[in-house]
C-alpha atoms as a PDB file:
ATOM      1  CA  MET A   1     -85.426  50.810  25.107  1.00  0.00           C
ATOM      2  CA  SER A   2     -86.603  53.857  27.385  1.00  0.00           C
ATOM      3  CA  THR A   3     -88.463  53.462  30.628  1.00  0.00           C
ATOM      4  CA  LEU A   4     -91.571  54.315  32.135  1.00  0.00           C
ATOM      5  CA  ILE A   5     -92.336  55.533  35.701  1.00  0.00           C
ATOM      6  CA  ILE A   6     -95.299  53.720  37.433  1.00  0.00           C
ATOM      7  CA  GLY A   7     -96.658  53.466  40.684  1.00  0.00           C
ATOM      8  CA  MET A   8     -94.202  55.057  43.508  1.00  0.00           C
ATOM      9  CA  GLY A   9     -91.453  55.822  41.306  1.00  0.00           C
ATOM     10  CA  MET A  10     -91.099  51.976  39.763  1.00  0.00           C
ATOM     11  CA  VAL A  11     -88.753  51.757  36.620  1.00  0.00           C
ATOM     12  CA  VAL A  12     -89.834  49.056  34.273  1.00  0.00           C
ATOM     13  CA  ALA A  13     -88.320  48.582  30.813  1.00  0.00           C
ATOM     14  CA  HIS A  14     -90.566  50.038  28.065  1.00  0.00           C
ATOM     15  CA  GLY A  15     -90.672  49.188  24.715  1.00  0.00           C
ATOM     16  CA  PRO A  16     -88.744  51.634  21.574  1.00  0.00           C
ATOM     17  CA  GLY A  17     -88.695  54.965  22.496  1.00  0.00           C
ATOM     18  CA  LYS A  18     -87.373  58.490  23.873  1.00  0.00           C
ATOM     19  CA  ASP A  19     -86.380  58.810  27.205  1.00  0.00           C
ATOM     20  CA  PRO A  20     -89.082  60.936  29.240  1.00  0.00           C
ATOM     21  CA  ASP A  21     -89.151  64.321  29.247  1.00  0.00           C
ATOM     22  CA  PRO A  22     -87.371  66.509  31.394  1.00  0.00           C
ATOM     23  CA  ASP A  23     -89.281  68.827  33.293  1.00  0.00           C
ATOM     24  CA  PRO A  24     -89.248  72.302  31.164  1.00  0.00           C
ATOM     25  CA  HIS A  25     -89.182  74.508  34.456  1.00  0.00           C
ATOM     26  CA  ARG A  26     -86.301  73.023  35.568  1.00  0.00           C
ATOM     27  CA  ASP A  27     -82.775  75.021  35.138  1.00  0.00           C
ATOM     28  CA  ARG A  28     -80.559  72.981  32.200  1.00  0.00           C
ATOM     29  CA  ARG A  29     -77.183  73.981  33.954  1.00  0.00           C
ATOM     30  CA  ASP A  30     -77.934  72.486  37.300  1.00  0.00           C
ATOM     31  CA  VAL A  31     -75.920  69.483  37.478  1.00  0.00           C
ATOM     32  CA  ARG A  32     -78.646  67.846  39.179  1.00  0.00           C
ATOM     33  CA  TYR A  33     -80.536  67.435  36.498  1.00  0.00           C
ATOM     34  CA  ALA A  34     -78.070  67.224  33.912  1.00  0.00           C
ATOM     35  CA  ARG A  35     -78.517  63.518  31.767  1.00  0.00           C
ATOM     36  CA  PRO A  36     -75.413  61.576  31.875  1.00  0.00           C
ATOM     37  CA  ALA A  37     -74.314  59.967  28.542  1.00  0.00           C
ATOM     38  CA  PRO A  38     -77.066  57.989  26.554  1.00  0.00           C
ATOM     39  CA  ALA A  39     -75.600  54.765  26.450  1.00  0.00           C
ATOM     40  CA  ALA A  40     -74.688  55.190  30.607  1.00  0.00           C
ATOM     41  CA  TYR A  41     -78.415  56.481  31.340  1.00  0.00           C
ATOM     42  CA  ARG A  42     -79.911  53.493  28.851  1.00  0.00           C
ATOM     43  CA  GLU A  43     -77.787  50.710  30.784  1.00  0.00           C
ATOM     44  CA  CYS A  44     -78.162  52.337  33.922  1.00  0.00           C
ATOM     45  CA  ALA A  45     -82.207  52.054  33.200  1.00  0.00           C
ATOM     46  CA  ASN A  46     -82.533  48.380  32.238  1.00  0.00           C
ATOM     47  CA  PHE A  47     -79.942  47.445  34.867  1.00  0.00           C
ATOM     48  CA  TYR A  48     -82.096  44.662  36.652  1.00  0.00           C
ATOM     49  CA  ALA A  49     -83.753  43.724  33.836  1.00  0.00           C
ATOM     50  CA  THR A  50     -80.123  43.209  32.315  1.00  0.00           C
ATOM     51  CA  HIS A  51     -78.727  41.054  35.317  1.00  0.00           C
ATOM     52  CA  GLY A  52     -82.081  39.426  36.252  1.00  0.00           C
ATOM     53  CA  ILE A  53     -83.072  40.578  39.234  1.00  0.00           C
ATOM     54  CA  SER A  54     -86.151  41.927  40.419  1.00  0.00           C
ATOM     55  CA  THR A  55     -86.462  46.019  41.117  1.00  0.00           C
ATOM     56  CA  PRO A  56     -86.886  47.434  44.414  1.00  0.00           C
ATOM     57  CA  SER A  57     -89.711  47.177  46.329  1.00  0.00           C
ATOM     58  CA  THR A  58     -92.019  50.626  46.210  1.00  0.00           C
ATOM     59  CA  LEU A  59     -92.212  49.887  50.061  1.00  0.00           C
ATOM     60  CA  PHE A  60     -89.151  51.599  50.263  1.00  0.00           C
ATOM     61  CA  ASP A  61     -90.526  54.820  48.582  1.00  0.00           C
ATOM     62  CA  ALA A  62     -92.323  55.055  52.270  1.00  0.00           C
ATOM     63  CA  LEU A  63     -89.403  54.907  54.677  1.00  0.00           C
ATOM     64  CA  SER A  64     -89.017  58.475  56.269  1.00  0.00           C
ATOM     65  CA  ASP A  65     -85.677  58.112  57.941  1.00  0.00           C
ATOM     66  CA  THR A  66     -83.743  55.789  55.674  1.00  0.00           C
ATOM     67  CA  TYR A  67     -82.236  56.202  52.338  1.00  0.00           C
ATOM     68  CA  TYR A  68     -82.161  53.196  50.331  1.00  0.00           C
ATOM     69  CA  PHE A  69     -79.624  53.530  47.338  1.00  0.00           C
ATOM     70  CA  ALA A  70     -78.336  51.084  44.558  1.00  0.00           C
ATOM     71  CA  LYS A  71     -75.366  51.482  41.987  1.00  0.00           C
ATOM     72  CA  ASN A  72     -73.303  49.243  39.080  1.00  0.00           C
ATOM     73  CA  THR A  73     -69.724  48.792  39.710  1.00  0.00           C
ATOM     74  CA  ALA A  74     -68.914  51.549  37.987  1.00  0.00           C
ATOM     75  CA  GLY A  75     -71.135  53.789  41.055  1.00  0.00           C
ATOM     76  CA  GLN A  76     -73.543  54.806  38.851  1.00  0.00           C
ATOM     77  CA  PHE A  77     -76.693  55.224  40.592  1.00  0.00           C
ATOM     78  CA  VAL A  78     -79.484  52.406  39.231  1.00  0.00           C
ATOM     79  CA  TRP A  79     -82.139  53.365  42.096  1.00  0.00           C
ATOM     80  CA  GLY A  80     -82.610  55.481  44.538  1.00  0.00           C
ATOM     81  CA  ASN A  81     -86.031  55.710  46.888  1.00  0.00           C
ATOM     82  CA  ARG A  82     -88.290  58.879  47.374  1.00  0.00           C
ATOM     83  CA  LEU A  83     -86.501  60.209  50.309  1.00  0.00           C
ATOM     84  CA  LEU A  84     -83.250  60.113  48.283  1.00  0.00           C
ATOM     85  CA  GLN A  85     -85.001  62.023  45.927  1.00  0.00           C
ATOM     86  CA  GLU A  86     -85.566  64.653  47.877  1.00  0.00           C
ATOM     87  CA  GLN A  87     -82.745  64.720  49.613  1.00  0.00           C
ATOM     88  CA  HIS A  88     -80.858  66.078  46.344  1.00  0.00           C
ATOM     89  CA  ARG A  89     -84.122  68.356  45.322  1.00  0.00           C
ATOM     90  CA  LEU A  90     -84.411  65.870  42.470  1.00  0.00           C
ATOM     91  CA  THR A  91     -88.340  65.589  40.824  1.00  0.00           C
ATOM     92  CA  ASN A  92     -88.377  60.914  40.344  1.00  0.00           C
ATOM     93  CA  VAL A  93     -85.961  58.426  39.900  1.00  0.00           C
ATOM     94  CA  ASN A  94     -85.093  58.797  36.548  1.00  0.00           C
ATOM     95  CA  ASP A  95     -82.947  62.176  37.797  1.00  0.00           C
ATOM     96  CA  ILE A  96     -80.407  59.643  39.139  1.00  0.00           C
ATOM     97  CA  LEU A  97     -80.143  57.129  37.360  1.00  0.00           C
ATOM     98  CA  GLY A  98     -76.553  56.944  35.539  1.00  0.00           C
ATOM     99  CA  LYS A  99     -75.033  59.708  38.183  1.00  0.00           C
ATOM    100  CA  THR A 100     -72.743  58.825  40.568  1.00  0.00           C
ATOM    101  CA  ASP A 101     -71.980  60.161  44.331  1.00  0.00           C
ATOM    102  CA  HIS A 102     -69.186  62.924  42.799  1.00  0.00           C
ATOM    103  CA  ASP A 103     -72.571  64.762  41.082  1.00  0.00           C
ATOM    104  CA  PHE A 104     -74.302  65.349  44.868  1.00  0.00           C
ATOM    105  CA  PHE A 105     -71.108  65.445  47.324  1.00  0.00           C
ATOM    106  CA  ARG A 106     -67.699  67.318  47.587  1.00  0.00           C
ATOM    107  CA  ARG A 107     -64.815  65.126  46.075  1.00  0.00           C
ATOM    108  CA  ASP A 108     -63.263  63.739  49.209  1.00  0.00           C
ATOM    109  CA  ILE A 109     -67.033  62.843  50.002  1.00  0.00           C
ATOM    110  CA  ALA A 110     -67.601  61.171  46.989  1.00  0.00           C
ATOM    111  CA  ASP A 111     -64.140  59.849  46.976  1.00  0.00           C
ATOM    112  CA  ARG A 112     -64.664  58.337  50.247  1.00  0.00           C
ATOM    113  CA  ILE A 113     -68.660  56.878  49.636  1.00  0.00           C
ATOM    114  CA  ARG A 114     -66.563  55.441  46.316  1.00  0.00           C
ATOM    115  CA  ALA A 115     -63.821  53.815  48.458  1.00  0.00           C
ATOM    116  CA  ASP A 116     -65.931  51.815  50.950  1.00  0.00           C
ATOM    117  CA  ASP A 117     -68.307  50.814  47.857  1.00  0.00           C
ATOM    118  CA  LEU A 118     -65.156  49.468  46.213  1.00  0.00           C
ATOM    119  CA  ALA A 119     -64.226  47.742  49.406  1.00  0.00           C
ATOM    120  CA  VAL A 120     -67.785  45.841  49.354  1.00  0.00           C
ATOM    121  CA  ILE A 121     -67.549  45.165  45.526  1.00  0.00           C
ATOM    122  CA  ASP A 122     -64.161  43.963  46.267  1.00  0.00           C
ATOM    123  CA  THR A 123     -64.899  41.855  49.353  1.00  0.00           C
ATOM    124  CA  GLY A 124     -68.303  40.857  48.658  1.00  0.00           C
ATOM    125  CA  ILE A 125     -68.811  41.426  52.459  1.00  0.00           C
ATOM    126  CA  THR A 126     -71.388  43.315  54.137  1.00  0.00           C
ATOM    127  CA  VAL A 127     -70.829  46.667  56.186  1.00  0.00           C
ATOM    128  CA  LYS A 128     -73.474  47.095  58.691  1.00  0.00           C
ATOM    129  CA  ASN A 129     -74.458  50.184  60.869  1.00  0.00           C
ATOM    130  CA  LYS A 130     -71.275  52.515  59.724  1.00  0.00           C
ATOM    131  CA  LEU A 131     -71.626  56.268  60.961  1.00  0.00           C
ATOM    132  CA  GLU A 132     -70.927  58.374  58.467  1.00  0.00           C
ATOM    133  CA  VAL A 133     -70.600  62.280  58.348  1.00  0.00           C
ATOM    134  CA  ILE A 134     -72.065  63.871  55.221  1.00  0.00           C
ATOM    135  CA  ASP A 135     -71.924  67.027  53.731  1.00  0.00           C
ATOM    136  CA  SER A 136     -75.750  67.275  52.694  1.00  0.00           C
ATOM    137  CA  GLY A 137     -75.473  69.975  50.231  1.00  0.00           C
ATOM    138  CA  ASN A 138     -76.293  73.147  52.472  1.00  0.00           C
ATOM    139  CA  GLY A 139     -73.451  74.152  54.329  1.00  0.00           C
ATOM    140  CA  GLU A 140     -75.420  71.138  57.348  1.00  0.00           C
ATOM    141  CA  LEU A 141     -73.948  67.773  58.469  1.00  0.00           C
ATOM    142  CA  THR A 142     -76.092  64.386  58.045  1.00  0.00           C
ATOM    143  CA  TRP A 143     -75.086  62.092  60.510  1.00  0.00           C
ATOM    144  CA  LEU A 144     -75.962  58.364  59.186  1.00  0.00           C
ATOM    145  CA  PHE A 145     -75.995  54.920  59.914  1.00  0.00           C
ATOM    146  CA  THR A 146     -75.084  53.367  56.599  1.00  0.00           C
ATOM    147  CA  THR A 147     -75.628  48.954  55.535  1.00  0.00           C
ATOM    148  CA  LYS A 148     -74.045  48.265  52.524  1.00  0.00           C
ATOM    149  CA  ALA A 149     -74.437  44.807  50.804  1.00  0.00           C
ATOM    150  CA  PRO A 150     -73.244  43.315  47.518  1.00  0.00           C
ATOM    151  CA  LEU A 151     -75.940  43.406  45.182  1.00  0.00           C
ATOM    152  CA  ARG A 152     -75.608  39.911  42.576  1.00  0.00           C
ATOM    153  CA  ASN A 153     -77.074  38.642  39.852  1.00  0.00           C
ATOM    154  CA  GLY A 154     -78.833  35.352  38.988  1.00  0.00           C
ATOM    155  CA  ASN A 155     -75.667  33.940  38.746  1.00  0.00           C
ATOM    156  CA  GLY A 156     -74.513  35.017  41.841  1.00  0.00           C
ATOM    157  CA  ASP A 157     -72.007  37.749  40.411  1.00  0.00           C
ATOM    158  CA  ILE A 158     -71.600  40.871  42.062  1.00  0.00           C
ATOM    159  CA  VAL A 159     -73.387  43.440  39.689  1.00  0.00           C
ATOM    160  CA  GLY A 160     -72.866  46.526  41.844  1.00  0.00           C
ATOM    161  CA  ILE A 161     -73.819  47.580  45.279  1.00  0.00           C
ATOM    162  CA  GLU A 162     -77.060  48.758  47.582  1.00  0.00           C
ATOM    163  CA  GLY A 163     -77.465  49.764  50.931  1.00  0.00           C
ATOM    164  CA  PHE A 164     -79.507  51.838  53.851  1.00  0.00           C
ATOM    165  CA  SER A 165     -78.506  54.956  55.278  1.00  0.00           C
ATOM    166  CA  ARG A 166     -80.539  55.641  57.989  1.00  0.00           C
ATOM    167  CA  ASP A 167     -80.713  59.557  59.414  1.00  0.00           C
ATOM    168  CA  ALA A 168     -80.072  59.567  62.917  1.00  0.00           C
ATOM    169  CA  ARG A 169     -81.906  63.517  62.826  1.00  0.00           C
ATOM    170  CA  ARG A 170     -84.924  61.878  61.301  1.00  0.00           C
ATOM    171  CA  SER A 171     -85.028  59.137  63.900  1.00  0.00           C
ATOM    172  CA  GLN A 172     -83.799  59.282  66.953  1.00  0.00           C
ATOM    173  CA  ASP A 173     -83.676  55.821  68.216  1.00  0.00           C
ATOM    174  CA  THR A 174     -80.502  54.748  66.048  1.00  0.00           C
ATOM    175  CA  ILE A 175     -78.292  56.195  68.158  1.00  0.00           C
ATOM    176  CA  ALA A 176     -78.968  53.286  70.094  1.00  0.00           C
ATOM    177  CA  PRO A 177     -79.774  50.211  67.619  1.00  0.00           C
ATOM    178  CA  PHE A 178     -78.941  47.788  69.829  1.00  0.00           C
ATOM    179  CA  HIS A 179     -80.309  47.309  73.475  1.00  0.00           C
ATOM    180  CA  GLU A 180     -77.265  46.303  75.228  1.00  0.00           C
ATOM    181  CA  PHE A 181     -76.017  49.528  74.280  1.00  0.00           C
ATOM    182  CA  LYS A 182     -78.740  51.450  75.534  1.00  0.00           C
ATOM    183  CA  ALA A 183     -77.220  52.329  79.058  1.00  0.00           C
ATOM    184  CA  CYS A 184     -73.787  53.133  78.076  1.00  0.00           C
ATOM    185  CA  ILE A 185     -75.303  55.313  74.990  1.00  0.00           C
ATOM    186  CA  GLU A 186     -77.819  57.360  77.189  1.00  0.00           C
ATOM    187  CA  TYR A 187     -74.722  57.890  79.673  1.00  0.00           C
ATOM    188  CA  LEU A 188     -72.900  59.444  76.847  1.00  0.00           C
ATOM    189  CA  GLN A 189     -75.519  61.752  75.792  1.00  0.00           C
ATOM    190  CA  GLU A 190     -76.098  63.356  79.371  1.00  0.00           C
ATOM    191  CA  HIS A 191     -71.929  63.007  80.095  1.00  0.00           C
ATOM    192  CA  LEU A 192     -70.838  63.944  77.089  1.00  0.00           C
ATOM    193  CA  MET A 193     -68.903  67.028  78.026  1.00  0.00           C
ATOM    194  CA  GLU A 194     -67.095  65.483  80.914  1.00  0.00           C
ATOM    195  CA  HIS A 195     -64.248  62.631  80.842  1.00  0.00           C
ATOM    196  CA  ILE A 196     -65.401  59.155  80.252  1.00  0.00           C
ATOM    197  CA  GLY A 197     -63.794  56.394  81.070  1.00  0.00           C
ATOM    198  CA  ILE A 198     -64.036  53.501  78.155  1.00  0.00           C
ATOM    199  CA  ASP A 199     -63.977  50.823  81.376  1.00  0.00           C
ATOM    200  CA  HIS A 200     -67.013  52.617  82.913  1.00  0.00           C
ATOM    201  CA  LEU A 201     -69.124  51.967  79.878  1.00  0.00           C
ATOM    202  CA  ALA A 202     -68.249  48.532  80.007  1.00  0.00           C
ATOM    203  CA  LYS A 203     -69.407  48.016  83.596  1.00  0.00           C
ATOM    204  CA  LEU A 204     -72.722  50.223  82.440  1.00  0.00           C
ATOM    205  CA  SER A 205     -73.039  47.554  79.604  1.00  0.00           C
ATOM    206  CA  CYS A 206     -72.392  44.384  82.395  1.00  0.00           C
ATOM    207  CA  MET A 207     -69.291  43.506  79.851  1.00  0.00           C
ATOM    208  CA  SER A 208     -65.961  42.919  80.268  1.00  0.00           C
ATOM    209  CA  LEU A 209     -63.835  46.009  78.928  1.00  0.00           C
ATOM    210  CA  SER A 210     -61.962  43.540  75.898  1.00  0.00           C
ATOM    211  CA  THR A 211     -65.378  42.538  75.200  1.00  0.00           C
ATOM    212  CA  PHE A 212     -67.392  46.056  75.378  1.00  0.00           C
ATOM    213  CA  GLU A 213     -64.660  47.553  72.734  1.00  0.00           C
ATOM    214  CA  ARG A 214     -64.951  43.753  70.466  1.00  0.00           C
ATOM    215  CA  LYS A 215     -68.585  44.285  70.603  1.00  0.00           C
ATOM    216  CA  PHE A 216     -68.750  47.932  70.052  1.00  0.00           C
ATOM    217  CA  LYS A 217     -66.840  48.067  66.936  1.00  0.00           C
ATOM    218  CA  GLN A 218     -68.823  45.100  65.621  1.00  0.00           C
ATOM    219  CA  HIS A 219     -71.289  47.339  66.264  1.00  0.00           C
ATOM    220  CA  PHE A 220     -71.124  50.292  65.107  1.00  0.00           C
ATOM    221  CA  SER A 221     -67.616  50.389  63.123  1.00  0.00           C
ATOM    222  CA  LEU A 222     -65.959  52.660  65.230  1.00  0.00           C
ATOM    223  CA  THR A 223     -64.237  51.817  68.384  1.00  0.00           C
ATOM    224  CA  PRO A 224     -65.958  53.408  71.466  1.00  0.00           C
ATOM    225  CA  LYS A 225     -63.060  56.483  71.795  1.00  0.00           C
ATOM    226  CA  GLN A 226     -63.875  56.914  68.024  1.00  0.00           C
ATOM    227  CA  TYR A 227     -67.679  57.356  68.794  1.00  0.00           C
ATOM    228  CA  ILE A 228     -66.760  59.446  71.398  1.00  0.00           C
ATOM    229  CA  LEU A 229     -65.565  61.859  69.033  1.00  0.00           C
ATOM    230  CA  HIS A 230     -68.063  61.873  66.701  1.00  0.00           C
ATOM    231  CA  MET A 231     -70.955  62.516  68.959  1.00  0.00           C
ATOM    232  CA  LYS A 232     -68.603  65.840  70.567  1.00  0.00           C
ATOM    233  CA  VAL A 233     -68.048  67.214  66.692  1.00  0.00           C
ATOM    234  CA  HIS A 234     -71.375  66.485  66.169  1.00  0.00           C
ATOM    235  CA  GLU A 235     -71.964  68.375  69.341  1.00  0.00           C
ATOM    236  CA  ALA A 236     -69.499  70.808  68.186  1.00  0.00           C
ATOM    237  CA  CYS A 237     -71.503  71.540  64.431  1.00  0.00           C
ATOM    238  CA  ARG A 238     -74.727  71.995  66.761  1.00  0.00           C
ATOM    239  CA  LEU A 239     -72.825  74.948  68.727  1.00  0.00           C
ATOM    240  CA  LEU A 240     -70.485  76.680  66.134  1.00  0.00           C
ATOM    241  CA  PRO A 241     -73.395  79.014  63.887  1.00  0.00           C
ATOM    242  CA  THR A 242     -74.403  80.641  67.009  1.00  0.00           C
ATOM    243  CA  ALA A 243     -70.975  80.338  69.426  1.00  0.00           C
ATOM    244  CA  GLY A 244     -69.604  83.428  67.977  1.00  0.00           C
ATOM    245  CA  SER A 245     -66.018  81.814  69.059  1.00  0.00           C
ATOM    246  CA  ILE A 246     -64.370  78.486  67.446  1.00  0.00           C
ATOM    247  CA  ALA A 247     -62.299  78.830  70.876  1.00  0.00           C
ATOM    248  CA  ARG A 248     -65.465  78.869  72.596  1.00  0.00           C
ATOM    249  CA  VAL A 249     -66.710  75.259  71.042  1.00  0.00           C
ATOM    250  CA  ALA A 250     -63.702  73.861  71.512  1.00  0.00           C
ATOM    251  CA  LEU A 251     -63.680  74.595  75.453  1.00  0.00           C
ATOM    252  CA  GLU A 252     -67.493  73.656  75.727  1.00  0.00           C
ATOM    253  CA  THR A 253     -67.305  70.375  73.604  1.00  0.00           C
ATOM    254  CA  GLY A 254     -63.871  69.822  76.012  1.00  0.00           C
ATOM    255  CA  PHE A 255     -61.254  69.412  73.262  1.00  0.00           C
ATOM    256  CA  GLY A 256     -59.548  72.123  75.299  1.00  0.00           C
ATOM    257  CA  GLY A 257     -57.738  74.620  72.953  1.00  0.00           C
ATOM    258  CA  GLN A 258     -58.809  75.486  69.382  1.00  0.00           C
ATOM    259  CA  SER A 259     -55.710  73.771  67.505  1.00  0.00           C
ATOM    260  CA  TYR A 260     -56.521  70.059  68.767  1.00  0.00           C
ATOM    261  CA  PHE A 261     -60.034  70.686  68.582  1.00  0.00           C
ATOM    262  CA  THR A 262     -59.506  72.288  64.843  1.00  0.00           C
ATOM    263  CA  LYS A 263     -57.624  68.744  63.956  1.00  0.00           C
ATOM    264  CA  GLN A 264     -60.086  66.249  65.513  1.00  0.00           C
ATOM    265  CA  PHE A 265     -63.188  68.166  63.834  1.00  0.00           C
ATOM    266  CA  ARG A 266     -61.304  68.071  60.584  1.00  0.00           C
ATOM    267  CA  SER A 267     -60.392  64.415  60.973  1.00  0.00           C
ATOM    268  CA  VAL A 268     -64.367  63.467  61.168  1.00  0.00           C
ATOM    269  CA  VAL A 269     -66.037  66.111  58.718  1.00  0.00           C
ATOM    270  CA  GLY A 270     -62.697  66.437  56.298  1.00  0.00           C
ATOM    271  CA  ILE A 271     -62.979  70.212  56.953  1.00  0.00           C
ATOM    272  CA  THR A 272     -61.901  72.721  59.613  1.00  0.00           C
ATOM    273  CA  PRO A 273     -64.523  74.235  61.519  1.00  0.00           C
ATOM    274  CA  LYS A 274     -64.024  77.833  60.152  1.00  0.00           C
ATOM    275  CA  GLN A 275     -64.569  75.756  56.685  1.00  0.00           C
ATOM    276  CA  TYR A 276     -67.346  74.561  57.822  1.00  0.00           C
ATOM    277  CA  LEU A 277     -69.295  77.793  58.961  1.00  0.00           C
ATOM    278  CA  LEU A 278     -68.236  79.337  55.488  1.00  0.00           C
ATOM    279  CA  SER A 279     -69.838  76.428  54.083  1.00  0.00           C
ATOM    280  CA  LEU A 280     -73.057  76.874  56.112  1.00  0.00           C
ATOM    281  CA  ALA A 281     -72.942  80.180  55.464  1.00  0.00           C
ATOM    282  CA  ALA A 282     -72.763  79.746  51.736  1.00  0.00           C
ATOM    283  CA  GLY A 283     -75.217  77.436  51.526  1.00  0.00           C
ATOM    284  CA  ARG A 284     -77.918  79.778  53.700  1.00  0.00           C
ATOM    285  CA  SER A 285     -77.145  82.927  50.966  1.00  0.00           C
ATOM    286  CA  GLY A 286     -77.754  80.382  48.060  1.00  0.00           C
ATOM    287  CA  ALA A 287     -80.930  79.065  49.444  1.00  0.00           C
ATOM    288  CA  ALA A 288     -81.865  82.861  49.995  1.00  0.00           C
ATOM    289  CA  ARG A 289     -81.053  83.477  46.389  1.00  0.00           C
ATOM    290  CA  ARG A 290     -83.326  80.283  45.106  1.00  0.00           C
ATOM    291  CA  GLY A 291     -86.154  81.417  47.481  1.00  0.00           C
ATOM    292  CA  THR A 292     -86.118  78.302  48.907  1.00  0.00           C
ATOM    293  CA  PRO A 293     -85.778  77.018  53.195  1.00  0.00           C
ATOM    294  CA  ALA A 294     -81.936  76.447  54.028  1.00  0.00           C
END
């Protein structure tokens, strides 16, 4: 079996034949275009037909701020919408079939994503609006709200996962996805560098402290303190490239000493502020050599 691309990137089973020819202008050494083993590729291309599942709607390709993805239980992509293809600089959905997150991200990031996927597969429980920080590959960070759910066949067996990741930079309203937290999120944005009491945030949301902390974690998959930490680190990422000093950013974002700032930054991003700056510089240098925007 081979596949054809129709409409907005829809993959459908086609009769016996060869897989579509790759773009002749691609760099064959580029891992993004390295075709997985033929058997794995065919399995992923025929995933929906094999399990009796309808292929994803072409409407997913119209999303401008949300990445849609689907993977089998082995962690191989069986689908990715247009925005996800563009994020990884792929020509069409064929180029993502059979790949895993390890083909696109650093090992520590890919390992974390895989662990989250396995938790959904093992428990069958949907994870909603988890705030994630992802290295986009050019040294910059992408902040996502991710929802993942088990993907089941016609018999109800879990055969993979599917999900959405909404880019907070592309859609500003995702920082406050629920109306009841709108006031406290706006307050956080305006007073981020000040000392913020969780009890004050609870009052802004018209909730008791215990109710606020419980509902906040339900919606954001983070405690209020963890959420504040992520927002502070997000601001630090914005300041670091032009600040000229890591110690200065540590002070401006309310972390105080550089040592404590580095520890907290690494707990969120997975690398130190210095490594982040080096990664950013390397990404821009690579983009300059390719003649593409950083």
